[in-house]
Amino acid sequence: QVQLVESGGGLVQAGGSLRLSCAASGDTFSINDMGWYRQTPANRRELVAEITNDGNTDYADSVKGRFTISRDNAKNTVYLQMHSLKPEDTAVYYCNAHIFVGRLAEVWGQGTLVTVSS
């Protein structure tokens, strides 16, 4: 079993920065790719950024150049550094991990709320 716990959300003014963290515990050896998703009440959950085990990254077009995903495999932690935040970035941000436990599976964190005020 793998558990994911996010932290770092909060209220920030437009143009500000936040860093989200996601700490993994349990059978962390089974983790492959990790990522951040976000969801608002009006929209379905969408991919924000993802990172492979060897550090390759991919971003949603809406956050390219503003957000950076990184991971520290020694600490079993993935980060999302967010700069130049906009009100439309307001959402609940979820950490995600793809794991292999005899078969591919996904694990989600509980989510952390990011609110960007205008």
N, C-alpha and C. Protein backbone atom coordinates (compact mmCIF):
# COMPACT_ATOMS: atom_id res chain seq x y z
N GLN A 1 0.84 -1.19 0.00
CA GLN A 1 0.00 0.00 0.00
C GLN A 1 0.88 1.24 0.00
N VAL A 2 0.40 2.24 -0.70
CA VAL A 2 1.08 3.54 -0.74
C VAL A 2 0.10 4.60 -0.27
N GLN A 3 0.56 5.48 0.57
CA GLN A 3 -0.26 6.60 1.02
C GLN A 3 0.42 7.90 0.59
N LEU A 4 -0.40 8.86 0.18
CA LEU A 4 0.10 10.17 -0.26
C LEU A 4 -0.53 11.25 0.61
N VAL A 5 0.29 12.16 1.11
CA VAL A 5 -0.21 13.26 1.93
C VAL A 5 0.32 14.57 1.36
N GLU A 6 -0.62 15.42 0.94
CA GLU A 6 -0.25 16.72 0.40
C GLU A 6 -0.19 17.78 1.50
N SER A 7 0.59 18.81 1.25
CA SER A 7 0.64 19.97 2.13
C SER A 7 1.08 21.18 1.31
N GLY A 8 0.88 22.36 1.88
CA GLY A 8 1.38 23.57 1.25
C GLY A 8 0.33 24.44 0.61
N GLY A 9 -0.91 23.99 0.57
CA GLY A 9 -1.95 24.84 -0.01
C GLY A 9 -2.26 26.02 0.88
N GLY A 10 -3.05 26.93 0.36
CA GLY A 10 -3.43 28.09 1.14
C GLY A 10 -3.97 29.21 0.28
N LEU A 11 -4.05 30.38 0.87
CA LEU A 11 -4.55 31.57 0.19
C LEU A 11 -3.38 32.46 -0.21
N VAL A 12 -3.38 32.88 -1.47
CA VAL A 12 -2.31 33.75 -1.96
C VAL A 12 -2.90 34.75 -2.93
N GLN A 13 -2.29 35.92 -3.00
CA GLN A 13 -2.75 36.92 -3.95
C GLN A 13 -2.26 36.59 -5.36
N ALA A 14 -2.98 37.08 -6.33
CA ALA A 14 -2.57 36.89 -7.72
C ALA A 14 -1.15 37.42 -7.92
N GLY A 15 -0.36 36.66 -8.65
CA GLY A 15 1.04 37.01 -8.85
C GLY A 15 1.98 36.38 -7.84
N GLY A 16 1.42 35.81 -6.80
CA GLY A 16 2.22 35.21 -5.75
C GLY A 16 2.66 33.80 -6.08
N SER A 17 3.31 33.18 -5.09
CA SER A 17 3.86 31.83 -5.26
C SER A 17 3.45 30.94 -4.10
N LEU A 18 3.40 29.65 -4.38
CA LEU A 18 3.18 28.62 -3.38
C LEU A 18 3.97 27.39 -3.80
N ARG A 19 4.34 26.58 -2.80
CA ARG A 19 4.94 25.29 -3.11
C ARG A 19 4.15 24.20 -2.41
N LEU A 20 3.68 23.27 -3.21
CA LEU A 20 2.98 22.10 -2.69
C LEU A 20 3.96 20.95 -2.54
N SER A 21 3.72 20.16 -1.50
CA SER A 21 4.52 18.96 -1.27
C SER A 21 3.60 17.76 -1.16
N CYS A 22 4.11 16.62 -1.59
CA CYS A 22 3.36 15.37 -1.47
C CYS A 22 4.33 14.30 -0.99
N ALA A 23 4.09 13.84 0.23
CA ALA A 23 4.97 12.83 0.81
C ALA A 23 4.32 11.46 0.68
N ALA A 24 5.08 10.53 0.15
CA ALA A 24 4.60 9.16 -0.02
C ALA A 24 5.15 8.29 1.10
N SER A 25 4.34 7.35 1.52
CA SER A 25 4.77 6.38 2.55
C SER A 25 4.21 5.01 2.20
N GLY A 26 4.72 4.02 2.88
CA GLY A 26 4.28 2.65 2.60
C GLY A 26 5.22 1.98 1.62
N ASP A 27 4.65 1.27 0.66
CA ASP A 27 5.45 0.52 -0.32
C ASP A 27 5.94 1.45 -1.43
N THR A 28 6.79 2.40 -1.06
CA THR A 28 7.22 3.43 -2.02
C THR A 28 8.05 2.88 -3.15
N PHE A 29 8.60 1.67 -2.99
CA PHE A 29 9.39 1.06 -4.06
C PHE A 29 8.52 0.77 -5.28
N SER A 30 7.21 0.72 -5.09
CA SER A 30 6.30 0.40 -6.18
C SER A 30 5.90 1.61 -7.02
N ILE A 31 6.34 2.81 -6.61
CA ILE A 31 5.92 4.04 -7.28
C ILE A 31 6.70 4.25 -8.57
N ASN A 32 5.98 4.56 -9.65
CA ASN A 32 6.59 4.94 -10.92
C ASN A 32 6.41 6.46 -11.12
N ASP A 33 5.55 6.82 -12.04
CA ASP A 33 5.32 8.25 -12.28
C ASP A 33 4.52 8.87 -11.14
N MET A 34 4.74 10.15 -10.93
CA MET A 34 3.93 10.91 -9.98
C MET A 34 3.47 12.20 -10.65
N GLY A 35 2.39 12.75 -10.13
CA GLY A 35 1.88 13.96 -10.75
C GLY A 35 0.97 14.75 -9.84
N TRP A 36 0.61 15.91 -10.33
CA TRP A 36 -0.34 16.78 -9.66
C TRP A 36 -1.52 17.02 -10.58
N TYR A 37 -2.71 16.91 -10.03
CA TYR A 37 -3.95 17.21 -10.72
C TYR A 37 -4.66 18.30 -9.93
N ARG A 38 -5.62 18.92 -10.58
CA ARG A 38 -6.45 19.88 -9.85
C ARG A 38 -7.90 19.77 -10.30
N GLN A 39 -8.78 20.20 -9.40
CA GLN A 39 -10.21 20.11 -9.70
C GLN A 39 -10.94 21.26 -9.04
N THR A 40 -11.87 21.86 -9.80
CA THR A 40 -12.79 22.86 -9.28
C THR A 40 -14.17 22.26 -9.29
N PRO A 41 -15.13 22.88 -8.58
CA PRO A 41 -16.49 22.33 -8.58
C PRO A 41 -17.11 22.28 -9.97
N ALA A 42 -16.69 23.19 -10.84
CA ALA A 42 -17.29 23.27 -12.17
C ALA A 42 -16.61 22.37 -13.18
N ASN A 43 -15.41 21.92 -12.88
CA ASN A 43 -14.63 21.20 -13.88
C ASN A 43 -14.21 19.82 -13.38
N ARG A 44 -13.92 18.96 -14.33
CA ARG A 44 -13.40 17.65 -13.95
C ARG A 44 -11.94 17.79 -13.57
N ARG A 45 -11.42 16.75 -12.93
CA ARG A 45 -10.03 16.76 -12.53
C ARG A 45 -9.13 16.79 -13.75
N GLU A 46 -8.14 17.67 -13.73
CA GLU A 46 -7.25 17.80 -14.87
C GLU A 46 -5.80 17.67 -14.44
N LEU A 47 -5.00 17.16 -15.34
CA LEU A 47 -3.57 17.03 -15.09
C LEU A 47 -2.91 18.41 -15.10
N VAL A 48 -2.10 18.66 -14.09
CA VAL A 48 -1.32 19.90 -14.03
C VAL A 48 0.11 19.63 -14.47
N ALA A 49 0.72 18.63 -13.87
CA ALA A 49 2.11 18.30 -14.19
C ALA A 49 2.39 16.87 -13.75
N GLU A 50 3.32 16.25 -14.43
CA GLU A 50 3.71 14.90 -14.04
C GLU A 50 5.21 14.73 -14.22
N ILE A 51 5.75 13.76 -13.49
CA ILE A 51 7.19 13.52 -13.53
C ILE A 51 7.44 12.02 -13.43
N THR A 52 8.32 11.53 -14.29
CA THR A 52 8.65 10.12 -14.27
C THR A 52 9.69 9.82 -13.19
N ASN A 53 9.97 8.55 -13.04
CA ASN A 53 10.95 8.14 -12.04
C ASN A 53 12.34 8.71 -12.32
N ASP A 54 12.64 8.89 -13.60
CA ASP A 54 13.97 9.41 -13.94
C ASP A 54 13.95 10.90 -14.25
N GLY A 55 12.86 11.58 -13.87
CA GLY A 55 12.85 13.04 -13.90
C GLY A 55 12.31 13.71 -15.13
N ASN A 56 11.78 12.97 -16.07
CA ASN A 56 11.15 13.61 -17.23
C ASN A 56 9.82 14.22 -16.81
N THR A 57 9.55 15.41 -17.32
CA THR A 57 8.36 16.15 -16.88
C THR A 57 7.45 16.51 -18.05
N ASP A 58 6.21 16.77 -17.71
CA ASP A 58 5.23 17.23 -18.68
C ASP A 58 4.25 18.14 -17.94
N TYR A 59 3.77 19.17 -18.64
CA TYR A 59 2.91 20.17 -18.02
C TYR A 59 1.69 20.46 -18.86
N ALA A 60 0.62 20.85 -18.20
CA ALA A 60 -0.53 21.39 -18.91
C ALA A 60 -0.11 22.73 -19.53
N ASP A 61 -0.66 23.03 -20.69
CA ASP A 61 -0.30 24.27 -21.37
C ASP A 61 -0.58 25.49 -20.49
N SER A 62 -1.61 25.42 -19.67
CA SER A 62 -2.01 26.57 -18.86
C SER A 62 -1.01 26.92 -17.76
N VAL A 63 -0.11 26.00 -17.43
CA VAL A 63 0.84 26.26 -16.34
C VAL A 63 2.29 26.28 -16.81
N LYS A 64 2.54 25.98 -18.08
CA LYS A 64 3.91 25.98 -18.58
C LYS A 64 4.57 27.33 -18.36
N GLY A 65 5.79 27.30 -17.87
CA GLY A 65 6.53 28.52 -17.60
C GLY A 65 6.24 29.13 -16.25
N ARG A 66 5.22 28.64 -15.55
CA ARG A 66 4.87 29.17 -14.23
C ARG A 66 5.04 28.13 -13.12
N PHE A 67 4.76 26.88 -13.43
CA PHE A 67 4.83 25.80 -12.44
C PHE A 67 6.02 24.89 -12.77
N THR A 68 6.61 24.34 -11.70
CA THR A 68 7.69 23.38 -11.86
C THR A 68 7.44 22.20 -10.93
N ILE A 69 7.45 21.00 -11.51
CA ILE A 69 7.32 19.79 -10.72
C ILE A 69 8.71 19.19 -10.52
N SER A 70 8.93 18.66 -9.33
CA SER A 70 10.20 18.00 -9.05
C SER A 70 9.94 16.89 -8.04
N ARG A 71 10.90 15.99 -7.92
CA ARG A 71 10.74 14.92 -6.94
C ARG A 71 12.08 14.61 -6.30
N ASP A 72 12.01 14.22 -5.05
CA ASP A 72 13.17 13.77 -4.29
C ASP A 72 12.90 12.32 -3.93
N ASN A 73 13.49 11.42 -4.70
CA ASN A 73 13.21 10.00 -4.50
C ASN A 73 13.73 9.50 -3.16
N ALA A 74 14.77 10.12 -2.65
CA ALA A 74 15.30 9.72 -1.35
C ALA A 74 14.31 10.03 -0.23
N LYS A 75 13.54 11.10 -0.42
CA LYS A 75 12.55 11.51 0.58
C LYS A 75 11.14 11.05 0.19
N ASN A 76 11.04 10.38 -0.96
CA ASN A 76 9.71 9.93 -1.44
C ASN A 76 8.72 11.08 -1.48
N THR A 77 9.17 12.20 -2.00
CA THR A 77 8.37 13.41 -2.01
C THR A 77 8.39 14.05 -3.40
N VAL A 78 7.24 14.53 -3.82
CA VAL A 78 7.14 15.28 -5.07
C VAL A 78 6.64 16.69 -4.72
N TYR A 79 7.14 17.65 -5.45
CA TYR A 79 6.84 19.05 -5.20
C TYR A 79 6.20 19.69 -6.42
N LEU A 80 5.43 20.74 -6.17
CA LEU A 80 4.93 21.57 -7.25
C LEU A 80 5.16 23.01 -6.85
N GLN A 81 6.15 23.63 -7.48
CA GLN A 81 6.44 25.04 -7.24
C GLN A 81 5.60 25.86 -8.20
N MET A 82 4.80 26.76 -7.66
CA MET A 82 3.88 27.54 -8.47
C MET A 82 4.22 29.02 -8.34
N HIS A 83 4.46 29.66 -9.46
CA HIS A 83 4.74 31.09 -9.51
C HIS A 83 3.69 31.79 -10.37
N SER A 84 3.64 33.11 -10.24
CA SER A 84 2.73 33.93 -11.05
C SER A 84 1.32 33.37 -11.02
N LEU A 85 0.85 33.07 -9.84
CA LEU A 85 -0.45 32.43 -9.70
C LEU A 85 -1.57 33.37 -10.16
N LYS A 86 -2.59 32.76 -10.75
CA LYS A 86 -3.75 33.49 -11.26
C LYS A 86 -5.01 33.00 -10.55
N PRO A 87 -6.04 33.82 -10.51
CA PRO A 87 -7.29 33.36 -9.88
C PRO A 87 -7.80 32.05 -10.48
N GLU A 88 -7.57 31.84 -11.77
CA GLU A 88 -8.05 30.60 -12.39
C GLU A 88 -7.25 29.37 -11.97
N ASP A 89 -6.17 29.57 -11.21
CA ASP A 89 -5.45 28.43 -10.65
C ASP A 89 -6.11 27.92 -9.37
N THR A 90 -7.10 28.65 -8.89
CA THR A 90 -7.81 28.22 -7.69
C THR A 90 -8.46 26.87 -7.90
N ALA A 91 -8.14 25.93 -7.01
CA ALA A 91 -8.65 24.56 -7.14
C ALA A 91 -8.17 23.74 -5.96
N VAL A 92 -8.70 22.54 -5.86
CA VAL A 92 -8.12 21.55 -4.97
C VAL A 92 -7.08 20.79 -5.78
N TYR A 93 -5.89 20.73 -5.26
CA TYR A 93 -4.78 20.07 -5.94
C TYR A 93 -4.55 18.69 -5.31
N TYR A 94 -4.49 17.70 -6.18
CA TYR A 94 -4.33 16.32 -5.74
C TYR A 94 -3.00 15.76 -6.23
N CYS A 95 -2.35 15.05 -5.35
CA CYS A 95 -1.15 14.31 -5.72
C CYS A 95 -1.57 12.93 -6.22
N ASN A 96 -0.86 12.45 -7.21
CA ASN A 96 -1.18 11.16 -7.83
C ASN A 96 0.09 10.35 -8.02
N ALA A 97 -0.01 9.06 -7.82
CA ALA A 97 1.12 8.17 -8.07
C ALA A 97 0.65 6.96 -8.85
N HIS A 98 1.41 6.59 -9.86
CA HIS A 98 1.20 5.33 -10.56
C HIS A 98 2.11 4.31 -9.91
N ILE A 99 1.53 3.22 -9.48
CA ILE A 99 2.30 2.19 -8.79
C ILE A 99 2.14 0.86 -9.52
N PHE A 100 3.09 -0.02 -9.26
CA PHE A 100 2.98 -1.37 -9.82
C PHE A 100 3.03 -2.35 -8.67
N VAL A 101 1.92 -3.03 -8.48
CA VAL A 101 1.81 -4.04 -7.43
C VAL A 101 1.26 -5.31 -8.06
N GLY A 102 2.04 -5.84 -8.99
CA GLY A 102 1.56 -6.98 -9.75
C GLY A 102 0.73 -6.55 -10.94
N ARG A 103 0.17 -5.38 -10.82
CA ARG A 103 -0.58 -4.73 -11.90
C ARG A 103 -0.45 -3.24 -11.68
N LEU A 104 -0.72 -2.46 -12.73
CA LEU A 104 -0.66 -1.01 -12.59
C LEU A 104 -1.86 -0.52 -11.81
N ALA A 105 -1.63 0.44 -10.94
CA ALA A 105 -2.71 1.03 -10.15
C ALA A 105 -2.38 2.49 -9.89
N GLU A 106 -3.38 3.23 -9.44
CA GLU A 106 -3.21 4.63 -9.11
C GLU A 106 -3.55 4.85 -7.66
N VAL A 107 -2.82 5.79 -7.07
CA VAL A 107 -3.08 6.22 -5.69
C VAL A 107 -3.25 7.72 -5.69
N TRP A 108 -4.18 8.21 -4.88
CA TRP A 108 -4.45 9.64 -4.78
C TRP A 108 -4.28 10.12 -3.35
N GLY A 109 -3.83 11.37 -3.23
CA GLY A 109 -3.84 12.01 -1.93
C GLY A 109 -5.22 12.58 -1.64
N GLN A 110 -5.34 13.23 -0.48
CA GLN A 110 -6.64 13.74 -0.06
C GLN A 110 -6.93 15.11 -0.64
N GLY A 111 -5.92 15.75 -1.19
CA GLY A 111 -6.11 17.07 -1.81
C GLY A 111 -5.76 18.20 -0.88
N THR A 112 -5.30 19.29 -1.46
CA THR A 112 -5.01 20.50 -0.71
C THR A 112 -5.54 21.70 -1.51
N LEU A 113 -6.21 22.60 -0.82
CA LEU A 113 -6.88 23.71 -1.49
C LEU A 113 -5.92 24.87 -1.71
N VAL A 114 -5.90 25.34 -2.95
CA VAL A 114 -5.16 26.54 -3.31
C VAL A 114 -6.17 27.59 -3.75
N THR A 115 -6.14 28.74 -3.10
CA THR A 115 -7.04 29.83 -3.44
C THR A 115 -6.22 31.05 -3.82
N VAL A 116 -6.45 31.56 -5.02
CA VAL A 116 -5.72 32.73 -5.50
C VAL A 116 -6.70 33.88 -5.61
N SER A 117 -6.47 34.92 -4.83
CA SER A 117 -7.37 36.07 -4.83
C SER A 117 -6.91 37.12 -5.84
N SER A 118 -7.88 37.81 -6.40
CA SER A 118 -7.54 38.81 -7.43
C SER A 118 -7.31 40.18 -6.80
